[in-house]
């Protein structure tokens, strides 16, 4: 069975109201798994960002990349509001990817 792509823009955090990282990927479960394993030296590893707190799926990677760029331009409070609109307690959404 071929793996179904899950193109997404996502935000990770270290804890509620902690450091926020915004990224884009063509397969969200694998990307978040890489962050959780901290196998590669990266921003997310350095700041302990292993909690998937928000994501938005897209049909096309080009659209997702543009959305990521737009989100990165917004101030922090706008991102906090976006997270809390669907995830008030900043729960780790990673397990929900496998339901």
PDB file of N, CA and C in Angstrom:
ATOM      1  N   UNK A   1       0.838  -1.177   0.000  1.00  0.00           N
ATOM      2  CA  UNK A   1       0.000   0.000   0.000  1.00  0.00           C
ATOM      3  C   UNK A   1       0.884   1.240   0.000  1.00  0.00           C
ATOM      4  N   UNK A   2       0.656   2.134  -0.907  1.00  0.00           N
ATOM      5  CA  UNK A   2       1.450   3.357  -1.012  1.00  0.00           C
ATOM      6  C   UNK A   2       1.056   4.325   0.096  1.00  0.00           C
ATOM      7  N   UNK A   3       2.019   5.072   0.561  1.00  0.00           N
ATOM      8  CA  UNK A   3       1.731   6.033   1.620  1.00  0.00           C
ATOM      9  C   UNK A   3       1.019   7.240   1.010  1.00  0.00           C
ATOM     10  N   UNK A   4      -0.009   7.674   1.691  1.00  0.00           N
ATOM     11  CA  UNK A   4      -0.787   8.826   1.242  1.00  0.00           C
ATOM     12  C   UNK A   4      -0.113  10.094   1.734  1.00  0.00           C
ATOM     13  N   UNK A   5       0.208  11.004   0.833  1.00  0.00           N
ATOM     14  CA  UNK A   5       0.867  12.228   1.276  1.00  0.00           C
ATOM     15  C   UNK A   5      -0.049  13.033   2.191  1.00  0.00           C
ATOM     16  N   UNK A   6       0.540  13.657   3.168  1.00  0.00           N
ATOM     17  CA  UNK A   6      -0.202  14.546   4.053  1.00  0.00           C
ATOM     18  C   UNK A   6       0.542  15.872   4.054  1.00  0.00           C
ATOM     19  N   UNK A   7       0.281  16.644   3.008  1.00  0.00           N
ATOM     20  CA  UNK A   7       0.912  17.946   2.842  1.00  0.00           C
ATOM     21  C   UNK A   7       0.320  18.879   3.898  1.00  0.00           C
ATOM     22  N   UNK A   8       1.181  19.544   4.651  1.00  0.00           N
ATOM     23  CA  UNK A   8       0.661  20.379   5.734  1.00  0.00           C
ATOM     24  C   UNK A   8       1.613  21.498   6.107  1.00  0.00           C
ATOM     25  N   UNK A   9       1.015  22.552   6.618  1.00  0.00           N
ATOM     26  CA  UNK A   9       1.717  23.600   7.342  1.00  0.00           C
ATOM     27  C   UNK A   9       1.470  23.273   8.808  1.00  0.00           C
ATOM     28  N   UNK A  10       2.471  23.426   9.659  1.00  0.00           N
ATOM     29  CA  UNK A  10       2.312  23.024  11.049  1.00  0.00           C
ATOM     30  C   UNK A  10       3.070  23.953  11.985  1.00  0.00           C
ATOM     31  N   UNK A  11       2.659  23.922  13.245  1.00  0.00           N
ATOM     32  CA  UNK A  11       3.385  24.636  14.291  1.00  0.00           C
ATOM     33  C   UNK A  11       3.664  23.674  15.430  1.00  0.00           C
ATOM     34  N   UNK A  12       4.879  23.764  15.932  1.00  0.00           N
ATOM     35  CA  UNK A  12       5.294  22.985  17.087  1.00  0.00           C
ATOM     36  C   UNK A  12       5.675  23.953  18.199  1.00  0.00           C
ATOM     37  N   UNK A  13       5.561  23.476  19.426  1.00  0.00           N
ATOM     38  CA  UNK A  13       5.926  24.286  20.578  1.00  0.00           C
ATOM     39  C   UNK A  13       6.595  23.400  21.623  1.00  0.00           C
ATOM     40  N   UNK A  14       7.341  24.029  22.508  1.00  0.00           N
ATOM     41  CA  UNK A  14       7.998  23.310  23.597  1.00  0.00           C
ATOM     42  C   UNK A  14       7.028  23.077  24.752  1.00  0.00           C
ATOM     43  N   UNK A  15       6.067  24.003  24.909  1.00  0.00           N
ATOM     44  CA  UNK A  15       5.081  23.974  25.981  1.00  0.00           C
ATOM     45  C   UNK A  15       4.056  25.055  25.656  1.00  0.00           C
ATOM     46  N   UNK A  16       2.944  25.110  26.382  1.00  0.00           N
ATOM     47  CA  UNK A  16       2.003  26.206  26.137  1.00  0.00           C
ATOM     48  C   UNK A  16       2.690  27.560  26.276  1.00  0.00           C
ATOM     49  N   UNK A  17       2.501  28.391  25.309  1.00  0.00           N
ATOM     50  CA  UNK A  17       3.068  29.743  25.246  1.00  0.00           C
ATOM     51  C   UNK A  17       4.588  29.757  25.181  1.00  0.00           C
ATOM     52  N   UNK A  18       5.186  28.620  24.839  1.00  0.00           N
ATOM     53  CA  UNK A  18       6.637  28.550  24.692  1.00  0.00           C
ATOM     54  C   UNK A  18       7.062  28.982  23.291  1.00  0.00           C
ATOM     55  N   UNK A  19       8.252  28.582  22.914  1.00  0.00           N
ATOM     56  CA  UNK A  19       8.779  28.874  21.584  1.00  0.00           C
ATOM     57  C   UNK A  19       7.895  28.189  20.557  1.00  0.00           C
ATOM     58  N   UNK A  20       7.624  28.874  19.440  1.00  0.00           N
ATOM     59  CA  UNK A  20       6.791  28.330  18.375  1.00  0.00           C
ATOM     60  C   UNK A  20       7.630  28.225  17.100  1.00  0.00           C
ATOM     61  N   UNK A  21       7.517  27.085  16.441  1.00  0.00           N
ATOM     62  CA  UNK A  21       8.185  26.856  15.154  1.00  0.00           C
ATOM     63  C   UNK A  21       7.106  26.595  14.112  1.00  0.00           C
ATOM     64  N   UNK A  22       7.207  27.244  12.970  1.00  0.00           N
ATOM     65  CA  UNK A  22       6.281  27.024  11.864  1.00  0.00           C
ATOM     66  C   UNK A  22       7.030  26.348  10.724  1.00  0.00           C
ATOM     67  N   UNK A  23       6.473  25.278  10.192  1.00  0.00           N
ATOM     68  CA  UNK A  23       7.118  24.557   9.102  1.00  0.00           C
ATOM     69  C   UNK A  23       6.111  24.057   8.080  1.00  0.00           C
ATOM     70  N   UNK A  24       6.645  23.453   7.021  1.00  0.00           N
ATOM     71  CA  UNK A  24       5.820  22.870   5.961  1.00  0.00           C
ATOM     72  C   UNK A  24       6.443  21.536   5.574  1.00  0.00           C
ATOM     73  N   UNK A  25       5.610  20.586   5.183  1.00  0.00           N
ATOM     74  CA  UNK A  25       6.102  19.263   4.824  1.00  0.00           C
ATOM     75  C   UNK A  25       5.151  18.582   3.850  1.00  0.00           C
ATOM     76  N   UNK A  26       5.677  17.614   3.140  1.00  0.00           N
ATOM     77  CA  UNK A  26       4.837  16.831   2.237  1.00  0.00           C
ATOM     78  C   UNK A  26       4.320  15.554   2.907  1.00  0.00           C
ATOM     79  N   UNK A  27       4.803  15.229   4.114  1.00  0.00           N
ATOM     80  CA  UNK A  27       4.293  14.075   4.866  1.00  0.00           C
ATOM     81  C   UNK A  27       4.420  14.350   6.358  1.00  0.00           C
ATOM     82  N   UNK A  28       3.371  14.896   6.937  1.00  0.00           N
ATOM     83  CA  UNK A  28       3.388  15.387   8.311  1.00  0.00           C
ATOM     84  C   UNK A  28       3.781  14.339   9.358  1.00  0.00           C
ATOM     85  N   UNK A  29       3.235  13.135   9.360  1.00  0.00           N
ATOM     86  CA  UNK A  29       3.618  12.184  10.409  1.00  0.00           C
ATOM     87  C   UNK A  29       5.123  11.915  10.460  1.00  0.00           C
ATOM     88  N   UNK A  30       5.745  11.754   9.312  1.00  0.00           N
ATOM     89  CA  UNK A  30       7.186  11.480   9.287  1.00  0.00           C
ATOM     90  C   UNK A  30       7.986  12.687   9.768  1.00  0.00           C
ATOM     91  N   UNK A  31       7.586  13.882   9.346  1.00  0.00           N
ATOM     92  CA  UNK A  31       8.313  15.088   9.746  1.00  0.00           C
ATOM     93  C   UNK A  31       8.242  15.302  11.255  1.00  0.00           C
ATOM     94  N   UNK A  32       7.070  15.152  11.830  1.00  0.00           N
ATOM     95  CA  UNK A  32       6.937  15.340  13.275  1.00  0.00           C
ATOM     96  C   UNK A  32       7.705  14.241  14.012  1.00  0.00           C
ATOM     97  N   UNK A  33       7.678  13.032  13.477  1.00  0.00           N
ATOM     98  CA  UNK A  33       8.471  11.949  14.060  1.00  0.00           C
ATOM     99  C   UNK A  33       9.949  12.286  14.086  1.00  0.00           C
ATOM    100  N   UNK A  34      10.456  12.896  13.014  1.00  0.00           N
ATOM    101  CA  UNK A  34      11.863  13.316  12.980  1.00  0.00           C
ATOM    102  C   UNK A  34      12.148  14.345  14.063  1.00  0.00           C
ATOM    103  N   UNK A  35      11.238  15.301  14.235  1.00  0.00           N
ATOM    104  CA  UNK A  35      11.425  16.311  15.278  1.00  0.00           C
ATOM    105  C   UNK A  35      11.418  15.661  16.660  1.00  0.00           C
ATOM    106  N   UNK A  36      10.523  14.729  16.880  1.00  0.00           N
ATOM    107  CA  UNK A  36      10.427  14.072  18.190  1.00  0.00           C
ATOM    108  C   UNK A  36      11.671  13.245  18.497  1.00  0.00           C
ATOM    109  N   UNK A  37      12.236  12.611  17.483  1.00  0.00           N
ATOM    110  CA  UNK A  37      13.447  11.813  17.681  1.00  0.00           C
ATOM    111  C   UNK A  37      14.685  12.679  17.852  1.00  0.00           C
ATOM    112  N   UNK A  38      14.606  13.930  17.416  1.00  0.00           N
ATOM    113  CA  UNK A  38      15.723  14.882  17.490  1.00  0.00           C
ATOM    114  C   UNK A  38      16.993  14.282  16.890  1.00  0.00           C
ATOM    115  N   UNK A  39      16.821  13.549  15.792  1.00  0.00           N
ATOM    116  CA  UNK A  39      17.938  12.858  15.154  1.00  0.00           C
ATOM    117  C   UNK A  39      18.873  13.810  14.418  1.00  0.00           C
ATOM    118  N   UNK A  40      18.347  14.922  13.983  1.00  0.00           N
ATOM    119  CA  UNK A  40      19.142  15.879  13.216  1.00  0.00           C
ATOM    120  C   UNK A  40      19.209  17.186  13.999  1.00  0.00           C
ATOM    121  N   UNK A  41      20.397  17.754  14.077  1.00  0.00           N
ATOM    122  CA  UNK A  41      20.554  19.035  14.765  1.00  0.00           C
ATOM    123  C   UNK A  41      19.732  20.087  14.031  1.00  0.00           C
ATOM    124  N   UNK A  42      18.837  20.726  14.760  1.00  0.00           N
ATOM    125  CA  UNK A  42      17.946  21.686  14.135  1.00  0.00           C
ATOM    126  C   UNK A  42      17.420  22.665  15.184  1.00  0.00           C
ATOM    127  N   UNK A  43      16.705  23.660  14.707  1.00  0.00           N
ATOM    128  CA  UNK A  43      16.065  24.636  15.593  1.00  0.00           C
ATOM    129  C   UNK A  43      15.134  23.933  16.570  1.00  0.00           C
ATOM    130  N   UNK A  44      14.339  22.983  16.067  1.00  0.00           N
ATOM    131  CA  UNK A  44      13.380  22.295  16.925  1.00  0.00           C
ATOM    132  C   UNK A  44      14.083  21.468  17.998  1.00  0.00           C
ATOM    133  N   UNK A  45      15.216  20.884  17.670  1.00  0.00           N
ATOM    134  CA  UNK A  45      15.969  20.113  18.658  1.00  0.00           C
ATOM    135  C   UNK A  45      16.574  21.048  19.705  1.00  0.00           C
ATOM    136  N   UNK A  46      17.155  22.140  19.257  1.00  0.00           N
ATOM    137  CA  UNK A  46      17.828  23.083  20.157  1.00  0.00           C
ATOM    138  C   UNK A  46      16.868  23.645  21.207  1.00  0.00           C
ATOM    139  N   UNK A  47      15.621  23.891  20.810  1.00  0.00           N
ATOM    140  CA  UNK A  47      14.653  24.491  21.723  1.00  0.00           C
ATOM    141  C   UNK A  47      13.649  23.489  22.297  1.00  0.00           C
ATOM    142  N   UNK A  48      13.854  22.210  22.036  1.00  0.00           N
ATOM    143  CA  UNK A  48      12.991  21.177  22.597  1.00  0.00           C
ATOM    144  C   UNK A  48      11.561  21.222  22.099  1.00  0.00           C
ATOM    145  N   UNK A  49      11.411  21.549  20.819  1.00  0.00           N
ATOM    146  CA  UNK A  49      10.075  21.650  20.237  1.00  0.00           C
ATOM    147  C   UNK A  49       9.640  20.281  19.743  1.00  0.00           C
ATOM    148  N   UNK A  50       8.794  19.620  20.515  1.00  0.00           N
ATOM    149  CA  UNK A  50       8.350  18.286  20.120  1.00  0.00           C
ATOM    150  C   UNK A  50       6.846  18.107  20.276  1.00  0.00           C
ATOM    151  N   UNK A  51       6.129  19.208  20.416  1.00  0.00           N
ATOM    152  CA  UNK A  51       4.682  19.168  20.596  1.00  0.00           C
ATOM    153  C   UNK A  51       4.013  19.786  19.367  1.00  0.00           C
ATOM    154  N   UNK A  52       3.321  18.959  18.585  1.00  0.00           N
ATOM    155  CA  UNK A  52       2.564  19.448  17.430  1.00  0.00           C
ATOM    156  C   UNK A  52       1.299  20.107  17.967  1.00  0.00           C
ATOM    157  N   UNK A  53       1.210  21.436  17.841  1.00  0.00           N
ATOM    158  CA  UNK A  53       0.086  22.152  18.448  1.00  0.00           C
ATOM    159  C   UNK A  53      -0.927  22.664  17.430  1.00  0.00           C
ATOM    160  N   UNK A  54      -0.562  22.672  16.156  1.00  0.00           N
ATOM    161  CA  UNK A  54      -1.479  23.143  15.110  1.00  0.00           C
ATOM    162  C   UNK A  54      -0.993  22.615  13.770  1.00  0.00           C
ATOM    163  N   UNK A  55      -1.934  22.273  12.898  1.00  0.00           N
ATOM    164  CA  UNK A  55      -1.578  21.959  11.517  1.00  0.00           C
ATOM    165  C   UNK A  55      -2.768  22.200  10.614  1.00  0.00           C
ATOM    166  N   UNK A  56      -2.459  22.403   9.356  1.00  0.00           N
ATOM    167  CA  UNK A  56      -3.463  22.667   8.328  1.00  0.00           C
ATOM    168  C   UNK A  56      -3.024  21.909   7.080  1.00  0.00           C
ATOM    169  N   UNK A  57      -3.884  21.059   6.553  1.00  0.00           N
ATOM    170  CA  UNK A  57      -3.512  20.257   5.388  1.00  0.00           C
ATOM    171  C   UNK A  57      -3.857  20.991   4.093  1.00  0.00           C
ATOM    172  N   UNK A  58      -3.135  20.613   3.041  1.00  0.00           N
ATOM    173  CA  UNK A  58      -3.317  21.216   1.718  1.00  0.00           C
ATOM    174  C   UNK A  58      -3.205  20.133   0.655  1.00  0.00           C
ATOM    175  N   UNK A  59      -3.805  20.390  -0.484  1.00  0.00           N
ATOM    176  CA  UNK A  59      -3.728  19.466  -1.611  1.00  0.00           C
ATOM    177  C   UNK A  59      -2.413  19.624  -2.379  1.00  0.00           C
ATOM    178  N   UNK A  60      -1.880  20.834  -2.422  1.00  0.00           N
ATOM    179  CA  UNK A  60      -0.668  21.128  -3.194  1.00  0.00           C
ATOM    180  C   UNK A  60       0.433  21.678  -2.298  1.00  0.00           C
ATOM    181  N   UNK A  61       1.644  21.215  -2.506  1.00  0.00           N
ATOM    182  CA  UNK A  61       2.772  21.694  -1.707  1.00  0.00           C
ATOM    183  C   UNK A  61       3.036  23.173  -1.965  1.00  0.00           C
ATOM    184  N   UNK A  62       2.813  23.633  -3.181  1.00  0.00           N
ATOM    185  CA  UNK A  62       3.052  25.046  -3.487  1.00  0.00           C
ATOM    186  C   UNK A  62       2.135  25.950  -2.670  1.00  0.00           C
ATOM    187  N   UNK A  63       0.896  25.535  -2.482  1.00  0.00           N
ATOM    188  CA  UNK A  63      -0.053  26.306  -1.670  1.00  0.00           C
ATOM    189  C   UNK A  63       0.381  26.278  -0.209  1.00  0.00           C
ATOM    190  N   UNK A  64       0.816  25.119   0.265  1.00  0.00           N
ATOM    191  CA  UNK A  64       1.272  24.987   1.644  1.00  0.00           C
ATOM    192  C   UNK A  64       2.497  25.862   1.907  1.00  0.00           C
ATOM    193  N   UNK A  65       3.426  25.891   0.971  1.00  0.00           N
ATOM    194  CA  UNK A  65       4.628  26.716   1.132  1.00  0.00           C
ATOM    195  C   UNK A  65       4.256  28.191   1.232  1.00  0.00           C
ATOM    196  N   UNK A  66       3.342  28.632   0.399  1.00  0.00           N
ATOM    197  CA  UNK A  66       2.913  30.030   0.448  1.00  0.00           C
ATOM    198  C   UNK A  66       2.223  30.346   1.775  1.00  0.00           C
ATOM    199  N   UNK A  67       1.394  29.424   2.245  1.00  0.00           N
ATOM    200  CA  UNK A  67       0.710  29.620   3.531  1.00  0.00           C
ATOM    201  C   UNK A  67       1.724  29.717   4.669  1.00  0.00           C
ATOM    202  N   UNK A  68       2.745  28.853   4.648  1.00  0.00           N
ATOM    203  CA  UNK A  68       3.791  28.901   5.675  1.00  0.00           C
ATOM    204  C   UNK A  68       4.475  30.269   5.664  1.00  0.00           C
ATOM    205  N   UNK A  69       4.826  30.755   4.490  1.00  0.00           N
ATOM    206  CA  UNK A  69       5.482  32.063   4.386  1.00  0.00           C
ATOM    207  C   UNK A  69       4.602  33.168   4.939  1.00  0.00           C
ATOM    208  N   UNK A  70       3.303  33.088   4.645  1.00  0.00           N
ATOM    209  CA  UNK A  70       2.376  34.099   5.152  1.00  0.00           C
ATOM    210  C   UNK A  70       2.271  34.041   6.674  1.00  0.00           C
ATOM    211  N   UNK A  71       2.153  32.849   7.229  1.00  0.00           N
ATOM    212  CA  UNK A  71       2.049  32.697   8.682  1.00  0.00           C
ATOM    213  C   UNK A  71       3.289  33.254   9.375  1.00  0.00           C
ATOM    214  N   UNK A  72       4.451  32.996   8.815  1.00  0.00           N
ATOM    215  CA  UNK A  72       5.698  33.470   9.429  1.00  0.00           C
ATOM    216  C   UNK A  72       5.772  34.995   9.494  1.00  0.00           C
ATOM    217  N   UNK A  73       5.016  35.687   8.644  1.00  0.00           N
ATOM    218  CA  UNK A  73       5.016  37.155   8.641  1.00  0.00           C
ATOM    219  C   UNK A  73       4.178  37.747   9.774  1.00  0.00           C
ATOM    220  N   UNK A  74       3.240  36.958  10.289  1.00  0.00           N
ATOM    221  CA  UNK A  74       2.344  37.469  11.321  1.00  0.00           C
ATOM    222  C   UNK A  74       3.056  37.546  12.672  1.00  0.00           C
ATOM    223  N   UNK A  75       2.584  38.442  13.541  1.00  0.00           N
ATOM    224  CA  UNK A  75       3.175  38.529  14.884  1.00  0.00           C
ATOM    225  C   UNK A  75       2.841  37.287  15.721  1.00  0.00           C
ATOM    226  N   UNK A  76       3.598  37.086  16.752  1.00  0.00           N
ATOM    227  CA  UNK A  76       3.458  35.928  17.626  1.00  0.00           C
ATOM    228  C   UNK A  76       2.030  35.774  18.152  1.00  0.00           C
ATOM    229  N   UNK A  77       1.413  36.854  18.598  1.00  0.00           N
ATOM    230  CA  UNK A  77       0.076  36.752  19.179  1.00  0.00           C
ATOM    231  C   UNK A  77      -0.938  36.223  18.166  1.00  0.00           C
ATOM    232  N   UNK A  78      -0.777  36.560  16.906  1.00  0.00           N
ATOM    233  CA  UNK A  78      -1.659  36.042  15.868  1.00  0.00           C
ATOM    234  C   UNK A  78      -1.522  34.522  15.784  1.00  0.00           C
ATOM    235  N   UNK A  79      -0.282  34.026  15.884  1.00  0.00           N
ATOM    236  CA  UNK A  79      -0.039  32.579  15.842  1.00  0.00           C
ATOM    237  C   UNK A  79      -0.627  31.901  17.077  1.00  0.00           C
ATOM    238  N   UNK A  80      -0.460  32.522  18.242  1.00  0.00           N
ATOM    239  CA  UNK A  80      -1.046  31.984  19.477  1.00  0.00           C
ATOM    240  C   UNK A  80      -2.565  31.885  19.319  1.00  0.00           C
ATOM    241  N   UNK A  81      -3.182  32.918  18.780  1.00  0.00           N
ATOM    242  CA  UNK A  81      -4.636  32.905  18.559  1.00  0.00           C
ATOM    243  C   UNK A  81      -5.044  31.791  17.601  1.00  0.00           C
ATOM    244  N   UNK A  82      -4.249  31.573  16.554  1.00  0.00           N
ATOM    245  CA  UNK A  82      -4.538  30.510  15.593  1.00  0.00           C
ATOM    246  C   UNK A  82      -4.469  29.140  16.276  1.00  0.00           C
ATOM    247  N   UNK A  83      -3.450  28.928  17.081  1.00  0.00           N
ATOM    248  CA  UNK A  83      -3.310  27.665  17.812  1.00  0.00           C
ATOM    249  C   UNK A  83      -4.501  27.468  18.750  1.00  0.00           C
ATOM    250  N   UNK A  84      -4.800  28.497  19.534  1.00  0.00           N
ATOM    251  CA  UNK A  84      -5.819  28.361  20.565  1.00  0.00           C
ATOM    252  C   UNK A  84      -7.245  28.292  20.011  1.00  0.00           C
ATOM    253  N   UNK A  85      -7.447  28.700  18.779  1.00  0.00           N
ATOM    254  CA  UNK A  85      -8.774  28.587  18.172  1.00  0.00           C
ATOM    255  C   UNK A  85      -9.226  27.129  18.104  1.00  0.00           C
ATOM    256  N   UNK A  86      -8.289  26.202  17.906  1.00  0.00           N
ATOM    257  CA  UNK A  86      -8.615  24.771  17.807  1.00  0.00           C
ATOM    258  C   UNK A  86      -7.970  23.917  18.894  1.00  0.00           C
ATOM    259  N   UNK A  87      -6.996  24.474  19.616  1.00  0.00           N
ATOM    260  CA  UNK A  87      -6.231  23.682  20.580  1.00  0.00           C
ATOM    261  C   UNK A  87      -5.945  24.541  21.816  1.00  0.00           C
ATOM    262  N   UNK A  88      -6.998  24.806  22.548  1.00  0.00           N
ATOM    263  CA  UNK A  88      -6.937  25.746  23.681  1.00  0.00           C
ATOM    264  C   UNK A  88      -5.853  25.410  24.700  1.00  0.00           C
ATOM    265  N   UNK A  89      -5.604  24.131  24.928  1.00  0.00           N
ATOM    266  CA  UNK A  89      -4.655  23.718  25.958  1.00  0.00           C
ATOM    267  C   UNK A  89      -3.286  23.328  25.399  1.00  0.00           C
ATOM    268  N   UNK A  90      -3.066  23.593  24.112  1.00  0.00           N
ATOM    269  CA  UNK A  90      -1.787  23.315  23.468  1.00  0.00           C
ATOM    270  C   UNK A  90      -1.416  21.833  23.591  1.00  0.00           C
ATOM    271  N   UNK A  91      -2.407  20.966  23.454  1.00  0.00           N
ATOM    272  CA  UNK A  91      -2.158  19.521  23.501  1.00  0.00           C
ATOM    273  C   UNK A  91      -1.308  19.103  22.310  1.00  0.00           C
ATOM    274  N   UNK A  92      -0.578  18.006  22.470  1.00  0.00           N
ATOM    275  CA  UNK A  92       0.203  17.448  21.371  1.00  0.00           C
ATOM    276  C   UNK A  92      -0.753  16.707  20.439  1.00  0.00           C
ATOM    277  N   UNK A  93      -0.868  17.176  19.211  1.00  0.00           N
ATOM    278  CA  UNK A  93      -1.791  16.610  18.229  1.00  0.00           C
ATOM    279  C   UNK A  93      -1.194  15.431  17.443  1.00  0.00           C
ATOM    280  N   UNK A  94       0.063  15.137  17.686  1.00  0.00           N
ATOM    281  CA  UNK A  94       0.730  14.060  16.933  1.00  0.00           C
ATOM    282  C   UNK A  94      -0.030  12.744  16.969  1.00  0.00           C
ATOM    283  N   UNK A  95      -0.498  12.280  18.129  1.00  0.00           N
ATOM    284  CA  UNK A  95      -1.237  11.001  18.149  1.00  0.00           C
ATOM    285  C   UNK A  95      -2.486  11.016  17.276  1.00  0.00           C
ATOM    286  N   UNK A  96      -3.103  12.170  17.101  1.00  0.00           N
ATOM    287  CA  UNK A  96      -4.313  12.259  16.284  1.00  0.00           C
ATOM    288  C   UNK A  96      -4.063  11.984  14.813  1.00  0.00           C
ATOM    289  N   UNK A  97      -2.826  12.058  14.377  1.00  0.00           N
ATOM    290  CA  UNK A  97      -2.490  11.790  12.979  1.00  0.00           C
ATOM    291  C   UNK A  97      -2.675  10.320  12.625  1.00  0.00           C
ATOM    292  N   UNK A  98      -2.761   9.462  13.634  1.00  0.00           N
ATOM    293  CA  UNK A  98      -2.831   8.019  13.407  1.00  0.00           C
ATOM    294  C   UNK A  98      -4.207   7.437  13.699  1.00  0.00           C
ATOM    295  N   UNK A  99      -5.185   8.288  13.947  1.00  0.00           N
ATOM    296  CA  UNK A  99      -6.544   7.800  14.243  1.00  0.00           C
ATOM    297  C   UNK A  99      -7.325   7.545  12.977  1.00  0.00           C
TER     298      UNK A  99
END
